[in-house]
């Protein structure tokens, strides 16, 4: 059984329902591979001034504990399951997921 761990600095306040759904989808992708999921940022942290994090419509999930080939697989699973209204971006140390109402 895998769990979701929230970074102690991550603020889980004001999360949009669409981001809660994305977190659930992401957890399923990690769990299928037997990997823990670590949320590193939601409405906290330092982001661009117009970042959707501040509106509760983005989440960053750590992947530094995952082997690089598996990172791509997890990213693709999340991207496919979330669909076109979400931007799912693979970074070096995390996966950024945001819900864009404009799409």
N, C-alpha and C. Protein backbone atom coordinates (compact mmCIF):
# COMPACT_ATOMS: atom_id res chain seq x y z
N UNK A 1 0.85 -1.19 0.00
CA UNK A 1 0.00 0.00 0.00
C UNK A 1 0.89 1.25 0.00
N UNK A 2 0.58 2.17 -0.85
CA UNK A 2 1.34 3.42 -0.89
C UNK A 2 0.51 4.54 -0.29
N UNK A 3 1.20 5.57 0.16
CA UNK A 3 0.52 6.70 0.77
C UNK A 3 0.92 7.99 0.07
N UNK A 4 0.23 9.04 0.44
CA UNK A 4 0.58 10.39 -0.01
C UNK A 4 1.17 11.10 1.19
N UNK A 5 2.37 11.63 1.02
CA UNK A 5 3.02 12.38 2.09
C UNK A 5 3.06 13.85 1.70
N UNK A 6 2.67 14.69 2.61
CA UNK A 6 2.66 16.13 2.38
C UNK A 6 3.90 16.74 3.01
N UNK A 7 4.68 17.45 2.22
CA UNK A 7 5.85 18.15 2.74
C UNK A 7 5.38 19.06 3.88
N UNK A 8 6.14 19.12 4.98
CA UNK A 8 5.72 19.96 6.12
C UNK A 8 5.52 21.43 5.76
N UNK A 9 6.18 21.90 4.71
CA UNK A 9 6.03 23.30 4.30
C UNK A 9 4.86 23.51 3.34
N UNK A 10 4.32 22.43 2.81
CA UNK A 10 3.22 22.53 1.84
C UNK A 10 1.93 22.91 2.55
N UNK A 11 1.22 23.89 2.00
CA UNK A 11 -0.04 24.36 2.58
C UNK A 11 -1.21 23.77 1.79
N UNK A 12 -1.98 22.89 2.40
CA UNK A 12 -3.11 22.28 1.69
C UNK A 12 -4.41 23.07 1.85
N UNK A 13 -4.33 24.38 1.84
CA UNK A 13 -5.53 25.20 2.00
C UNK A 13 -5.94 25.78 0.66
N UNK A 14 -7.22 25.94 0.46
CA UNK A 14 -7.73 26.57 -0.74
C UNK A 14 -7.52 25.78 -2.02
N UNK A 15 -7.48 24.46 -1.92
CA UNK A 15 -7.25 23.62 -3.10
C UNK A 15 -8.54 23.49 -3.89
N UNK A 16 -8.45 23.75 -5.20
CA UNK A 16 -9.60 23.59 -6.08
C UNK A 16 -9.95 22.10 -6.21
N UNK A 17 -11.24 21.77 -6.34
CA UNK A 17 -11.64 20.36 -6.49
C UNK A 17 -10.93 19.68 -7.66
N UNK A 18 -10.67 20.43 -8.72
CA UNK A 18 -10.00 19.86 -9.88
C UNK A 18 -8.58 19.41 -9.54
N UNK A 19 -7.94 20.10 -8.62
CA UNK A 19 -6.58 19.71 -8.20
C UNK A 19 -6.65 18.50 -7.27
N UNK A 20 -7.68 18.43 -6.44
CA UNK A 20 -7.85 17.23 -5.61
C UNK A 20 -8.02 15.99 -6.50
N UNK A 21 -8.76 16.14 -7.58
CA UNK A 21 -8.91 15.04 -8.53
C UNK A 21 -7.57 14.68 -9.15
N UNK A 22 -6.80 15.67 -9.55
CA UNK A 22 -5.48 15.42 -10.14
C UNK A 22 -4.55 14.73 -9.15
N UNK A 23 -4.62 15.10 -7.88
CA UNK A 23 -3.81 14.44 -6.85
C UNK A 23 -4.20 12.96 -6.75
N UNK A 24 -5.49 12.70 -6.79
CA UNK A 24 -5.97 11.31 -6.75
C UNK A 24 -5.47 10.53 -7.97
N UNK A 25 -5.55 11.13 -9.14
CA UNK A 25 -5.08 10.50 -10.37
C UNK A 25 -3.58 10.22 -10.29
N UNK A 26 -2.83 11.20 -9.81
CA UNK A 26 -1.38 11.04 -9.68
C UNK A 26 -1.04 9.92 -8.70
N UNK A 27 -1.75 9.89 -7.57
CA UNK A 27 -1.48 8.84 -6.59
C UNK A 27 -1.68 7.46 -7.19
N UNK A 28 -2.70 7.30 -8.00
CA UNK A 28 -2.94 6.01 -8.66
C UNK A 28 -1.76 5.63 -9.55
N UNK A 29 -1.19 6.59 -10.26
CA UNK A 29 -0.03 6.32 -11.13
C UNK A 29 1.18 5.89 -10.31
N UNK A 30 1.40 6.52 -9.18
CA UNK A 30 2.50 6.14 -8.29
C UNK A 30 2.23 4.76 -7.68
N UNK A 31 1.01 4.55 -7.20
CA UNK A 31 0.65 3.30 -6.53
C UNK A 31 0.78 2.09 -7.46
N UNK A 32 0.42 2.25 -8.73
CA UNK A 32 0.55 1.14 -9.69
C UNK A 32 1.99 0.64 -9.78
N UNK A 33 2.92 1.50 -9.44
CA UNK A 33 4.34 1.15 -9.51
C UNK A 33 4.93 0.89 -8.12
N UNK A 34 4.08 0.90 -7.11
CA UNK A 34 4.54 0.64 -5.74
C UNK A 34 5.37 1.76 -5.16
N UNK A 35 5.18 2.99 -5.64
CA UNK A 35 5.98 4.13 -5.19
C UNK A 35 5.15 5.07 -4.32
N UNK A 36 5.79 5.63 -3.31
CA UNK A 36 5.17 6.65 -2.47
C UNK A 36 5.04 7.95 -3.27
N UNK A 37 4.06 8.76 -2.89
CA UNK A 37 3.89 10.05 -3.52
C UNK A 37 4.10 11.15 -2.49
N UNK A 38 4.93 12.13 -2.84
CA UNK A 38 5.27 13.23 -1.95
C UNK A 38 4.83 14.55 -2.59
N UNK A 39 3.91 15.24 -1.94
CA UNK A 39 3.48 16.56 -2.43
C UNK A 39 4.43 17.60 -1.85
N UNK A 40 5.06 18.35 -2.71
CA UNK A 40 6.03 19.34 -2.24
C UNK A 40 5.49 20.75 -2.19
N UNK A 41 4.45 21.05 -2.99
CA UNK A 41 3.90 22.41 -2.98
C UNK A 41 2.47 22.41 -3.51
N UNK A 42 1.64 23.23 -2.85
CA UNK A 42 0.28 23.43 -3.34
C UNK A 42 0.06 24.94 -3.45
N UNK A 43 -0.44 25.56 -2.38
CA UNK A 43 -0.67 27.01 -2.43
C UNK A 43 0.46 27.79 -1.76
N UNK A 44 1.53 27.12 -1.47
CA UNK A 44 2.68 27.71 -0.77
C UNK A 44 3.86 27.85 -1.74
N UNK A 45 4.98 28.28 -1.21
CA UNK A 45 6.22 28.32 -1.98
C UNK A 45 6.37 29.58 -2.79
N UNK A 46 7.48 29.64 -3.51
CA UNK A 46 7.77 30.78 -4.37
C UNK A 46 7.56 30.37 -5.81
N UNK A 47 6.63 31.05 -6.46
CA UNK A 47 6.27 30.75 -7.84
C UNK A 47 6.18 32.07 -8.60
N UNK A 48 5.95 31.99 -9.89
CA UNK A 48 5.74 33.19 -10.69
C UNK A 48 4.55 33.96 -10.11
N UNK A 49 4.54 35.29 -10.25
CA UNK A 49 3.44 36.08 -9.66
C UNK A 49 2.04 35.65 -10.11
N UNK A 50 1.91 35.17 -11.34
CA UNK A 50 0.59 34.77 -11.84
C UNK A 50 0.38 33.25 -11.76
N UNK A 51 1.16 32.56 -10.95
CA UNK A 51 1.10 31.10 -10.82
C UNK A 51 -0.28 30.64 -10.35
N UNK A 52 -0.73 29.53 -10.89
CA UNK A 52 -1.99 28.95 -10.46
C UNK A 52 -1.87 28.30 -9.07
N UNK A 53 -0.65 28.14 -8.57
CA UNK A 53 -0.49 27.65 -7.19
C UNK A 53 -1.23 28.56 -6.22
N UNK A 54 -1.10 29.86 -6.40
CA UNK A 54 -1.71 30.81 -5.46
C UNK A 54 -3.23 30.79 -5.50
N UNK A 55 -3.79 30.28 -6.60
CA UNK A 55 -5.25 30.16 -6.72
C UNK A 55 -5.73 28.77 -6.32
N UNK A 56 -4.81 27.91 -5.86
CA UNK A 56 -5.18 26.55 -5.47
C UNK A 56 -5.42 25.63 -6.64
N UNK A 57 -4.92 26.01 -7.83
CA UNK A 57 -5.16 25.22 -9.03
C UNK A 57 -3.89 24.57 -9.58
N UNK A 58 -2.88 24.37 -8.70
CA UNK A 58 -1.65 23.69 -9.13
C UNK A 58 -1.05 22.93 -7.96
N UNK A 59 -0.32 21.88 -8.28
CA UNK A 59 0.36 21.06 -7.29
C UNK A 59 1.68 20.60 -7.88
N UNK A 60 2.71 20.50 -7.04
CA UNK A 60 4.00 19.94 -7.44
C UNK A 60 4.22 18.66 -6.65
N UNK A 61 4.57 17.60 -7.37
CA UNK A 61 4.79 16.29 -6.78
C UNK A 61 6.24 15.89 -6.99
N UNK A 62 6.93 15.58 -5.90
CA UNK A 62 8.35 15.22 -5.97
C UNK A 62 8.54 13.90 -6.71
N UNK A 63 9.62 13.84 -7.50
CA UNK A 63 9.97 12.60 -8.20
C UNK A 63 11.45 12.25 -8.04
N UNK A 64 12.15 12.97 -7.18
CA UNK A 64 13.59 12.72 -7.03
C UNK A 64 13.88 11.34 -6.43
N UNK A 65 12.89 10.66 -5.88
CA UNK A 65 13.06 9.32 -5.34
C UNK A 65 12.71 8.23 -6.37
N UNK A 66 12.39 8.65 -7.59
CA UNK A 66 11.97 7.73 -8.66
C UNK A 66 13.09 7.64 -9.71
N UNK A 67 13.32 6.45 -10.22
CA UNK A 67 14.31 6.27 -11.27
C UNK A 67 13.85 7.03 -12.52
N UNK A 68 14.80 7.68 -13.25
CA UNK A 68 14.43 8.51 -14.40
C UNK A 68 13.50 7.85 -15.43
N UNK A 69 13.73 6.60 -15.85
CA UNK A 69 12.79 6.05 -16.84
C UNK A 69 11.35 5.95 -16.31
N UNK A 70 11.21 5.63 -15.02
CA UNK A 70 9.88 5.51 -14.43
C UNK A 70 9.22 6.88 -14.28
N UNK A 71 10.01 7.93 -14.12
CA UNK A 71 9.46 9.29 -14.02
C UNK A 71 8.65 9.61 -15.26
N UNK A 72 9.19 9.29 -16.42
CA UNK A 72 8.50 9.57 -17.69
C UNK A 72 7.21 8.79 -17.78
N UNK A 73 7.24 7.53 -17.36
CA UNK A 73 6.03 6.70 -17.40
C UNK A 73 4.94 7.26 -16.49
N UNK A 74 5.32 7.64 -15.29
CA UNK A 74 4.35 8.22 -14.35
C UNK A 74 3.78 9.51 -14.93
N UNK A 75 4.65 10.36 -15.45
CA UNK A 75 4.21 11.62 -16.06
C UNK A 75 3.20 11.36 -17.17
N UNK A 76 3.50 10.43 -18.05
CA UNK A 76 2.60 10.14 -19.17
C UNK A 76 1.26 9.58 -18.69
N UNK A 77 1.29 8.73 -17.67
CA UNK A 77 0.03 8.20 -17.11
C UNK A 77 -0.83 9.33 -16.56
N UNK A 78 -0.22 10.23 -15.81
CA UNK A 78 -0.96 11.34 -15.21
C UNK A 78 -1.51 12.25 -16.31
N UNK A 79 -0.67 12.59 -17.28
CA UNK A 79 -1.08 13.47 -18.37
C UNK A 79 -2.27 12.88 -19.13
N UNK A 80 -2.18 11.60 -19.46
CA UNK A 80 -3.26 10.95 -20.21
C UNK A 80 -4.56 10.89 -19.40
N UNK A 81 -4.45 10.59 -18.12
CA UNK A 81 -5.65 10.45 -17.29
C UNK A 81 -6.29 11.80 -16.97
N UNK A 82 -5.49 12.84 -16.83
CA UNK A 82 -6.03 14.16 -16.50
C UNK A 82 -6.74 14.81 -17.68
N UNK A 83 -6.24 14.61 -18.88
CA UNK A 83 -6.90 15.16 -20.05
C UNK A 83 -6.43 16.56 -20.40
N UNK A 84 -7.04 17.14 -21.43
CA UNK A 84 -6.55 18.38 -22.02
C UNK A 84 -6.74 19.65 -21.19
N UNK A 85 -7.57 19.63 -20.18
CA UNK A 85 -7.75 20.84 -19.36
C UNK A 85 -6.64 21.02 -18.32
N UNK A 86 -5.78 20.03 -18.23
CA UNK A 86 -4.67 20.08 -17.28
C UNK A 86 -3.36 20.21 -18.03
N UNK A 87 -2.44 20.97 -17.45
CA UNK A 87 -1.06 20.97 -17.90
C UNK A 87 -0.29 20.10 -16.92
N UNK A 88 0.37 19.08 -17.44
CA UNK A 88 1.17 18.17 -16.61
C UNK A 88 2.59 18.24 -17.15
N UNK A 89 3.47 18.85 -16.36
CA UNK A 89 4.82 19.18 -16.83
C UNK A 89 5.85 18.40 -16.02
N UNK A 90 6.72 17.68 -16.73
CA UNK A 90 7.79 16.93 -16.09
C UNK A 90 9.01 17.82 -15.93
N UNK A 91 9.41 18.04 -14.70
CA UNK A 91 10.63 18.80 -14.37
C UNK A 91 11.69 17.81 -13.90
N UNK A 92 12.88 18.31 -13.58
CA UNK A 92 13.95 17.41 -13.12
C UNK A 92 13.61 16.73 -11.80
N UNK A 93 13.04 17.48 -10.86
CA UNK A 93 12.81 16.96 -9.52
C UNK A 93 11.34 16.83 -9.13
N UNK A 94 10.44 17.25 -10.00
CA UNK A 94 9.03 17.18 -9.66
C UNK A 94 8.17 17.15 -10.92
N UNK A 95 6.91 16.80 -10.72
CA UNK A 95 5.88 16.90 -11.76
C UNK A 95 4.94 18.01 -11.32
N UNK A 96 4.76 18.97 -12.20
CA UNK A 96 3.86 20.10 -11.95
C UNK A 96 2.54 19.80 -12.65
N UNK A 97 1.45 19.91 -11.91
CA UNK A 97 0.11 19.71 -12.48
C UNK A 97 -0.71 20.95 -12.19
N UNK A 98 -1.33 21.49 -13.22
CA UNK A 98 -2.21 22.64 -13.00
C UNK A 98 -3.48 22.48 -13.83
N UNK A 99 -4.56 22.98 -13.27
CA UNK A 99 -5.85 22.99 -13.94
C UNK A 99 -6.06 24.37 -14.51
N UNK A 100 -6.25 24.43 -15.81
CA UNK A 100 -6.42 25.71 -16.49
C UNK A 100 -7.86 25.84 -16.96
N UNK A 101 -8.63 26.66 -16.27
CA UNK A 101 -10.05 26.85 -16.63
C UNK A 101 -10.24 27.41 -18.03
N UNK A 102 -9.23 28.08 -18.55
CA UNK A 102 -9.34 28.72 -19.86
C UNK A 102 -9.31 27.72 -21.01
N UNK A 103 -8.87 26.51 -20.74
CA UNK A 103 -8.77 25.51 -21.83
C UNK A 103 -10.11 24.89 -22.12
